[in-house]
Amino acid sequence: MENTEQRSWFSRNWGWLLGGGCLSIIVVVILVIVGAFYKISDSISGSEPYTYAFSQAIENEEVIGFLGEPIESDGMGSTNYSYKNGYSIAELNIPIKGPNGEGVIVVNAEKVDEEWQYSQLYFLEDSSTEIINLLDPVYPELYDN
């Protein structure tokens, strides 16, 4: 009678274990990246310049005339926040859309003494070059093109 030695579970299944470990690491990395992206986009869309600009646009009669209702956000757009020595600057391009078209809200703001001051806040429709000022007419020369 011949006596054969049975291999251990690890020696029989090392390929599955190695593949499952690599797959687990890949899944964890993807989840971390997606979570970071969600956290960043959520913090941007919850920022004061973003919410103020969006509310000004959806309440503006001219913007409603171009886009129709309801108006909603159309992605992240481009954002640039910088903070240096207690001085904050926000430069945002917020894409929005409605049933009749699309456009972008352009925001340039700076935070002085814990309050945001807007130097530019306007809507630009994608299919035209018309600018709709969303600020009070404090700096009308910024919008004369």
N, C-alpha and C. Protein backbone atom coordinates (compact mmCIF):
# COMPACT_ATOMS: atom_id res chain seq x y z
N MET A 1 0.84 -1.17 0.00
CA MET A 1 0.00 0.00 0.00
C MET A 1 0.89 1.24 0.00
N GLU A 2 0.56 2.15 -0.90
CA GLU A 2 1.35 3.36 -1.05
C GLU A 2 0.71 4.49 -0.26
N ASN A 3 1.51 5.18 0.52
CA ASN A 3 1.04 6.27 1.37
C ASN A 3 1.44 7.60 0.74
N THR A 4 0.44 8.38 0.26
CA THR A 4 0.75 9.68 -0.33
C THR A 4 0.41 10.77 0.67
N GLU A 5 1.27 11.76 0.70
CA GLU A 5 1.07 12.86 1.62
C GLU A 5 0.16 13.90 0.97
N GLN A 6 -0.89 14.30 1.66
CA GLN A 6 -1.84 15.28 1.13
C GLN A 6 -1.27 16.68 1.35
N ARG A 7 -1.36 17.51 0.31
CA ARG A 7 -0.85 18.87 0.42
C ARG A 7 -1.78 19.71 1.29
N SER A 8 -1.22 20.77 1.89
CA SER A 8 -2.01 21.64 2.76
C SER A 8 -3.00 22.47 1.93
N TRP A 9 -3.95 23.04 2.62
CA TRP A 9 -4.96 23.86 1.96
C TRP A 9 -4.29 25.04 1.25
N PHE A 10 -3.32 25.68 1.91
CA PHE A 10 -2.63 26.83 1.33
C PHE A 10 -1.88 26.44 0.06
N SER A 11 -1.21 25.33 0.07
CA SER A 11 -0.45 24.94 -1.13
C SER A 11 -1.38 24.57 -2.28
N ARG A 12 -2.62 24.12 -1.98
CA ARG A 12 -3.58 23.80 -3.03
C ARG A 12 -4.30 25.04 -3.55
N ASN A 13 -4.43 26.10 -2.75
CA ASN A 13 -5.26 27.25 -3.10
C ASN A 13 -4.51 28.58 -3.09
N TRP A 14 -3.20 28.57 -3.19
CA TRP A 14 -2.44 29.81 -3.11
C TRP A 14 -2.78 30.78 -4.24
N GLY A 15 -3.10 30.30 -5.40
CA GLY A 15 -3.46 31.17 -6.54
C GLY A 15 -4.74 31.94 -6.27
N TRP A 16 -5.75 31.25 -5.72
CA TRP A 16 -7.01 31.92 -5.39
C TRP A 16 -6.79 32.95 -4.27
N LEU A 17 -5.97 32.59 -3.31
CA LEU A 17 -5.71 33.50 -2.20
C LEU A 17 -4.98 34.75 -2.67
N LEU A 18 -3.99 34.57 -3.52
CA LEU A 18 -3.24 35.71 -4.04
C LEU A 18 -4.13 36.59 -4.92
N GLY A 19 -4.92 35.98 -5.80
CA GLY A 19 -5.83 36.75 -6.67
C GLY A 19 -6.89 37.48 -5.88
N GLY A 20 -7.46 36.83 -4.87
CA GLY A 20 -8.48 37.47 -4.03
C GLY A 20 -7.90 38.62 -3.22
N GLY A 21 -6.66 38.46 -2.76
CA GLY A 21 -6.01 39.54 -2.01
C GLY A 21 -5.76 40.75 -2.89
N CYS A 22 -5.25 40.51 -4.11
CA CYS A 22 -5.00 41.63 -5.04
C CYS A 22 -6.32 42.31 -5.41
N LEU A 23 -7.35 41.53 -5.66
CA LEU A 23 -8.65 42.10 -6.01
C LEU A 23 -9.19 42.93 -4.85
N SER A 24 -9.02 42.45 -3.64
CA SER A 24 -9.48 43.20 -2.46
C SER A 24 -8.76 44.54 -2.35
N ILE A 25 -7.45 44.54 -2.58
CA ILE A 25 -6.68 45.79 -2.51
C ILE A 25 -7.16 46.76 -3.59
N ILE A 26 -7.40 46.27 -4.79
CA ILE A 26 -7.88 47.12 -5.89
C ILE A 26 -9.24 47.72 -5.54
N VAL A 27 -10.14 46.92 -5.00
CA VAL A 27 -11.48 47.40 -4.63
C VAL A 27 -11.38 48.46 -3.54
N VAL A 28 -10.52 48.27 -2.55
CA VAL A 28 -10.36 49.25 -1.48
C VAL A 28 -9.82 50.56 -2.03
N VAL A 29 -8.83 50.51 -2.92
CA VAL A 29 -8.27 51.73 -3.51
C VAL A 29 -9.34 52.47 -4.31
N ILE A 30 -10.14 51.76 -5.09
CA ILE A 30 -11.21 52.39 -5.87
C ILE A 30 -12.23 53.04 -4.94
N LEU A 31 -12.60 52.37 -3.86
CA LEU A 31 -13.55 52.94 -2.91
C LEU A 31 -13.00 54.20 -2.24
N VAL A 32 -11.72 54.21 -1.93
CA VAL A 32 -11.12 55.40 -1.32
C VAL A 32 -11.13 56.57 -2.31
N ILE A 33 -10.81 56.31 -3.57
CA ILE A 33 -10.81 57.37 -4.59
C ILE A 33 -12.22 57.91 -4.79
N VAL A 34 -13.19 57.03 -4.92
CA VAL A 34 -14.59 57.47 -5.10
C VAL A 34 -15.06 58.25 -3.88
N GLY A 35 -14.73 57.80 -2.69
CA GLY A 35 -15.12 58.50 -1.47
C GLY A 35 -14.50 59.89 -1.38
N ALA A 36 -13.23 60.00 -1.76
CA ALA A 36 -12.56 61.30 -1.75
C ALA A 36 -13.20 62.24 -2.75
N PHE A 37 -13.50 61.74 -3.95
CA PHE A 37 -14.15 62.56 -4.97
C PHE A 37 -15.51 63.04 -4.48
N TYR A 38 -16.29 62.15 -3.88
CA TYR A 38 -17.60 62.52 -3.36
C TYR A 38 -17.48 63.58 -2.27
N LYS A 39 -16.52 63.41 -1.37
CA LYS A 39 -16.35 64.35 -0.27
C LYS A 39 -15.95 65.73 -0.79
N ILE A 40 -15.04 65.76 -1.77
CA ILE A 40 -14.61 67.04 -2.34
C ILE A 40 -15.76 67.72 -3.07
N SER A 41 -16.50 66.96 -3.91
CA SER A 41 -17.60 67.57 -4.65
C SER A 41 -18.71 68.03 -3.71
N ASP A 42 -18.93 67.30 -2.63
CA ASP A 42 -19.94 67.69 -1.66
C ASP A 42 -19.53 68.95 -0.91
N SER A 43 -18.25 69.08 -0.58
CA SER A 43 -17.80 70.27 0.12
C SER A 43 -17.84 71.50 -0.79
N ILE A 44 -17.56 71.31 -2.09
CA ILE A 44 -17.64 72.43 -3.03
C ILE A 44 -19.08 72.87 -3.22
N SER A 45 -19.98 71.91 -3.45
CA SER A 45 -21.38 72.28 -3.70
C SER A 45 -22.07 72.78 -2.43
N GLY A 46 -21.47 72.55 -1.29
CA GLY A 46 -22.03 73.07 -0.04
C GLY A 46 -21.39 74.36 0.42
N SER A 47 -20.42 74.86 -0.36
CA SER A 47 -19.74 76.08 0.05
C SER A 47 -20.64 77.29 -0.16
N GLU A 48 -20.34 78.34 0.57
CA GLU A 48 -21.18 79.53 0.50
C GLU A 48 -21.17 80.19 -0.88
N PRO A 49 -20.02 80.35 -1.55
CA PRO A 49 -20.07 80.95 -2.89
C PRO A 49 -20.89 80.12 -3.88
N TYR A 50 -20.80 78.81 -3.80
CA TYR A 50 -21.55 77.93 -4.71
C TYR A 50 -23.05 78.07 -4.46
N THR A 51 -23.48 77.94 -3.20
CA THR A 51 -24.91 77.99 -2.90
C THR A 51 -25.50 79.38 -3.19
N TYR A 52 -24.73 80.43 -2.89
CA TYR A 52 -25.22 81.78 -3.17
C TYR A 52 -25.40 81.99 -4.67
N ALA A 53 -24.38 81.60 -5.45
CA ALA A 53 -24.45 81.79 -6.90
C ALA A 53 -25.58 80.98 -7.51
N PHE A 54 -25.74 79.75 -7.08
CA PHE A 54 -26.80 78.90 -7.62
C PHE A 54 -28.18 79.47 -7.28
N SER A 55 -28.35 79.94 -6.04
CA SER A 55 -29.65 80.50 -5.66
C SER A 55 -29.95 81.79 -6.43
N GLN A 56 -28.92 82.61 -6.68
CA GLN A 56 -29.13 83.82 -7.47
C GLN A 56 -29.57 83.48 -8.89
N ALA A 57 -28.99 82.43 -9.46
CA ALA A 57 -29.32 82.05 -10.84
C ALA A 57 -30.73 81.49 -10.94
N ILE A 58 -31.12 80.61 -10.03
CA ILE A 58 -32.43 79.97 -10.16
C ILE A 58 -33.58 80.92 -9.80
N GLU A 59 -33.26 82.06 -9.18
CA GLU A 59 -34.28 83.05 -8.86
C GLU A 59 -34.33 84.19 -9.87
N ASN A 60 -33.40 84.22 -10.82
CA ASN A 60 -33.32 85.31 -11.78
C ASN A 60 -34.28 85.04 -12.95
N GLU A 61 -35.14 86.02 -13.24
CA GLU A 61 -36.15 85.85 -14.29
C GLU A 61 -35.54 85.67 -15.68
N GLU A 62 -34.44 86.36 -15.97
CA GLU A 62 -33.80 86.22 -17.29
C GLU A 62 -33.20 84.82 -17.47
N VAL A 63 -32.59 84.31 -16.42
CA VAL A 63 -32.03 82.95 -16.49
C VAL A 63 -33.15 81.94 -16.67
N ILE A 64 -34.22 82.12 -15.94
CA ILE A 64 -35.38 81.22 -16.08
C ILE A 64 -35.93 81.31 -17.50
N GLY A 65 -35.94 82.51 -18.08
CA GLY A 65 -36.40 82.68 -19.45
C GLY A 65 -35.54 81.92 -20.46
N PHE A 66 -34.23 81.89 -20.24
CA PHE A 66 -33.34 81.15 -21.13
C PHE A 66 -33.45 79.64 -20.96
N LEU A 67 -33.44 79.19 -19.70
CA LEU A 67 -33.32 77.75 -19.42
C LEU A 67 -34.65 77.07 -19.17
N GLY A 68 -35.66 77.78 -18.74
CA GLY A 68 -36.90 77.15 -18.32
C GLY A 68 -36.77 76.66 -16.88
N GLU A 69 -37.82 76.02 -16.41
CA GLU A 69 -37.79 75.49 -15.04
C GLU A 69 -38.11 74.01 -15.07
N PRO A 70 -37.56 73.20 -14.24
CA PRO A 70 -36.64 73.49 -13.14
C PRO A 70 -35.21 73.63 -13.65
N ILE A 71 -34.43 74.41 -12.93
CA ILE A 71 -33.00 74.58 -13.22
C ILE A 71 -32.24 73.72 -12.21
N GLU A 72 -31.28 72.98 -12.72
CA GLU A 72 -30.49 72.11 -11.84
C GLU A 72 -29.02 72.15 -12.22
N SER A 73 -28.21 71.72 -11.30
CA SER A 73 -26.77 71.65 -11.54
C SER A 73 -26.47 70.59 -12.59
N ASP A 74 -25.42 70.82 -13.36
CA ASP A 74 -25.08 69.90 -14.45
C ASP A 74 -23.62 69.45 -14.32
N GLY A 75 -23.26 68.96 -13.15
CA GLY A 75 -21.90 68.47 -12.94
C GLY A 75 -21.08 69.41 -12.07
N MET A 76 -19.79 69.09 -11.99
CA MET A 76 -18.89 69.83 -11.11
C MET A 76 -18.42 71.15 -11.69
N GLY A 77 -18.10 71.21 -12.96
CA GLY A 77 -17.52 72.41 -13.52
C GLY A 77 -16.09 72.56 -13.05
N SER A 78 -15.57 73.76 -13.16
CA SER A 78 -14.20 73.99 -12.69
C SER A 78 -14.25 74.86 -11.45
N THR A 79 -13.42 74.51 -10.51
CA THR A 79 -13.37 75.25 -9.25
C THR A 79 -11.93 75.52 -8.88
N ASN A 80 -11.73 76.64 -8.23
CA ASN A 80 -10.42 76.97 -7.70
C ASN A 80 -10.63 77.72 -6.40
N TYR A 81 -10.32 77.06 -5.31
CA TYR A 81 -10.36 77.69 -4.00
C TYR A 81 -8.91 77.82 -3.52
N SER A 82 -8.57 78.98 -3.02
CA SER A 82 -7.24 79.12 -2.43
C SER A 82 -7.37 79.85 -1.11
N TYR A 83 -6.53 79.44 -0.18
CA TYR A 83 -6.53 80.02 1.15
C TYR A 83 -5.08 80.27 1.54
N LYS A 84 -4.80 81.52 1.89
CA LYS A 84 -3.44 81.86 2.27
C LYS A 84 -3.48 82.99 3.28
N ASN A 85 -2.92 82.74 4.45
CA ASN A 85 -2.81 83.75 5.51
C ASN A 85 -4.15 84.39 5.85
N GLY A 86 -5.19 83.59 5.98
CA GLY A 86 -6.50 84.10 6.36
C GLY A 86 -7.28 84.75 5.23
N TYR A 87 -6.79 84.66 4.02
CA TYR A 87 -7.42 85.29 2.86
C TYR A 87 -7.86 84.19 1.91
N SER A 88 -9.15 84.14 1.59
CA SER A 88 -9.69 83.10 0.72
C SER A 88 -10.16 83.68 -0.60
N ILE A 89 -9.93 82.91 -1.67
CA ILE A 89 -10.39 83.29 -3.00
C ILE A 89 -11.13 82.09 -3.60
N ALA A 90 -12.27 82.34 -4.22
CA ALA A 90 -13.04 81.30 -4.89
C ALA A 90 -13.29 81.72 -6.33
N GLU A 91 -12.92 80.84 -7.26
CA GLU A 91 -13.21 81.04 -8.67
C GLU A 91 -13.95 79.79 -9.14
N LEU A 92 -15.23 79.95 -9.50
CA LEU A 92 -16.07 78.82 -9.84
C LEU A 92 -16.71 79.01 -11.21
N ASN A 93 -16.83 77.92 -11.94
CA ASN A 93 -17.66 77.85 -13.13
C ASN A 93 -18.64 76.71 -12.88
N ILE A 94 -19.90 77.06 -12.66
CA ILE A 94 -20.92 76.09 -12.26
C ILE A 94 -21.84 75.82 -13.45
N PRO A 95 -21.76 74.64 -14.05
CA PRO A 95 -22.67 74.34 -15.16
C PRO A 95 -24.08 74.06 -14.64
N ILE A 96 -25.06 74.67 -15.30
CA ILE A 96 -26.46 74.44 -14.94
C ILE A 96 -27.24 74.15 -16.21
N LYS A 97 -28.41 73.53 -16.03
CA LYS A 97 -29.24 73.20 -17.19
C LYS A 97 -30.71 73.29 -16.81
N GLY A 98 -31.49 73.47 -17.83
CA GLY A 98 -32.93 73.48 -17.69
C GLY A 98 -33.52 72.79 -18.90
N PRO A 99 -34.84 72.73 -19.01
CA PRO A 99 -35.45 72.04 -20.14
C PRO A 99 -35.16 72.70 -21.49
N ASN A 100 -34.84 74.01 -21.48
CA ASN A 100 -34.64 74.73 -22.75
C ASN A 100 -33.19 74.97 -23.12
N GLY A 101 -32.25 74.61 -22.26
CA GLY A 101 -30.86 74.87 -22.59
C GLY A 101 -29.92 74.66 -21.42
N GLU A 102 -28.66 75.05 -21.68
CA GLU A 102 -27.61 74.90 -20.68
C GLU A 102 -26.81 76.18 -20.61
N GLY A 103 -26.09 76.34 -19.52
CA GLY A 103 -25.22 77.51 -19.37
C GLY A 103 -24.29 77.31 -18.20
N VAL A 104 -23.59 78.38 -17.87
CA VAL A 104 -22.63 78.31 -16.78
C VAL A 104 -22.73 79.58 -15.94
N ILE A 105 -22.59 79.39 -14.63
CA ILE A 105 -22.52 80.51 -13.70
C ILE A 105 -21.05 80.75 -13.41
N VAL A 106 -20.60 81.97 -13.58
CA VAL A 106 -19.20 82.32 -13.32
C VAL A 106 -19.15 83.13 -12.03
N VAL A 107 -18.30 82.69 -11.10
CA VAL A 107 -18.21 83.32 -9.79
C VAL A 107 -16.74 83.64 -9.50
N ASN A 108 -16.48 84.86 -9.11
CA ASN A 108 -15.18 85.26 -8.57
C ASN A 108 -15.47 85.98 -7.26
N ALA A 109 -14.95 85.43 -6.17
CA ALA A 109 -15.23 86.00 -4.86
C ALA A 109 -14.00 85.90 -3.98
N GLU A 110 -13.97 86.77 -2.99
CA GLU A 110 -12.91 86.70 -2.00
C GLU A 110 -13.53 86.88 -0.62
N LYS A 111 -12.94 86.22 0.34
CA LYS A 111 -13.45 86.28 1.70
C LYS A 111 -12.61 87.27 2.49
N VAL A 112 -13.26 88.35 2.91
CA VAL A 112 -12.61 89.40 3.67
C VAL A 112 -13.37 89.55 4.98
N ASP A 113 -12.65 89.48 6.07
CA ASP A 113 -13.26 89.61 7.41
C ASP A 113 -14.43 88.65 7.59
N GLU A 114 -14.21 87.41 7.21
CA GLU A 114 -15.20 86.33 7.38
C GLU A 114 -16.47 86.53 6.56
N GLU A 115 -16.43 87.39 5.54
CA GLU A 115 -17.59 87.60 4.69
C GLU A 115 -17.16 87.55 3.23
N TRP A 116 -17.94 86.84 2.41
CA TRP A 116 -17.62 86.71 0.99
C TRP A 116 -18.06 87.96 0.26
N GLN A 117 -17.15 88.50 -0.55
CA GLN A 117 -17.45 89.65 -1.40
C GLN A 117 -17.27 89.20 -2.85
N TYR A 118 -18.28 89.43 -3.67
CA TYR A 118 -18.30 88.93 -5.03
C TYR A 118 -17.90 90.03 -6.00
N SER A 119 -16.83 89.79 -6.74
CA SER A 119 -16.41 90.75 -7.75
C SER A 119 -17.08 90.45 -9.08
N GLN A 120 -17.35 89.18 -9.36
CA GLN A 120 -18.08 88.79 -10.57
C GLN A 120 -19.04 87.67 -10.22
N LEU A 121 -20.23 87.79 -10.72
CA LEU A 121 -21.24 86.74 -10.59
C LEU A 121 -22.21 86.94 -11.75
N TYR A 122 -22.08 86.07 -12.76
CA TYR A 122 -22.93 86.20 -13.93
C TYR A 122 -23.23 84.84 -14.54
N PHE A 123 -24.27 84.84 -15.38
CA PHE A 123 -24.68 83.64 -16.10
C PHE A 123 -24.36 83.84 -17.57
N LEU A 124 -23.83 82.79 -18.20
CA LEU A 124 -23.51 82.81 -19.61
C LEU A 124 -24.15 81.60 -20.26
N GLU A 125 -25.09 81.84 -21.19
CA GLU A 125 -25.76 80.73 -21.87
C GLU A 125 -24.81 80.14 -22.90
N ASP A 126 -24.85 78.81 -23.05
CA ASP A 126 -23.95 78.11 -23.97
C ASP A 126 -24.13 78.53 -25.42
N SER A 127 -25.36 78.78 -25.84
CA SER A 127 -25.62 79.04 -27.26
C SER A 127 -25.51 80.52 -27.64
N SER A 128 -25.17 81.38 -26.69
CA SER A 128 -25.03 82.80 -27.03
C SER A 128 -23.88 83.40 -26.22
N THR A 129 -23.61 84.65 -26.48
CA THR A 129 -22.57 85.35 -25.74
C THR A 129 -23.16 86.38 -24.78
N GLU A 130 -24.46 86.30 -24.59
CA GLU A 130 -25.11 87.25 -23.69
C GLU A 130 -24.80 86.91 -22.24
N ILE A 131 -24.44 87.93 -21.49
CA ILE A 131 -24.12 87.79 -20.08
C ILE A 131 -25.27 88.37 -19.26
N ILE A 132 -25.72 87.60 -18.27
CA ILE A 132 -26.76 88.08 -17.36
C ILE A 132 -26.11 88.29 -16.00
N ASN A 133 -26.07 89.55 -15.57
CA ASN A 133 -25.47 89.91 -14.29
C ASN A 133 -26.35 89.38 -13.16
N LEU A 134 -25.77 88.65 -12.24
CA LEU A 134 -26.51 88.13 -11.10
C LEU A 134 -26.20 88.90 -9.82
N LEU A 135 -25.34 89.87 -9.91
CA LEU A 135 -25.04 90.74 -8.78
C LEU A 135 -25.88 92.00 -8.85
N ASP A 136 -25.93 92.69 -7.74
CA ASP A 136 -26.51 94.02 -7.79
C ASP A 136 -25.60 94.86 -8.69
N PRO A 137 -26.13 95.85 -9.36
CA PRO A 137 -25.31 96.61 -10.30
C PRO A 137 -24.28 97.50 -9.60
N VAL A 138 -23.37 96.87 -8.85
CA VAL A 138 -22.32 97.61 -8.15
C VAL A 138 -21.17 97.91 -9.11
N TYR A 139 -20.81 96.92 -9.93
CA TYR A 139 -19.72 97.07 -10.88
C TYR A 139 -20.24 96.81 -12.30
N PRO A 140 -21.07 97.66 -12.87
CA PRO A 140 -21.63 97.38 -14.19
C PRO A 140 -20.56 97.35 -15.28
N GLU A 141 -19.42 98.02 -15.10
CA GLU A 141 -18.39 98.03 -16.14
C GLU A 141 -17.77 96.66 -16.34
N LEU A 142 -17.88 95.75 -15.38
CA LEU A 142 -17.34 94.40 -15.54
C LEU A 142 -18.13 93.60 -16.56
N TYR A 143 -19.36 94.00 -16.82
CA TYR A 143 -20.25 93.21 -17.68
C TYR A 143 -20.47 93.85 -19.03
N ASP A 144 -19.90 95.00 -19.28
CA ASP A 144 -20.04 95.66 -20.57
C ASP A 144 -19.04 95.05 -21.53
N ASN A 145 -19.51 94.27 -22.49
CA ASN A 145 -18.62 93.65 -23.48
C ASN A 145 -19.00 94.09 -24.86
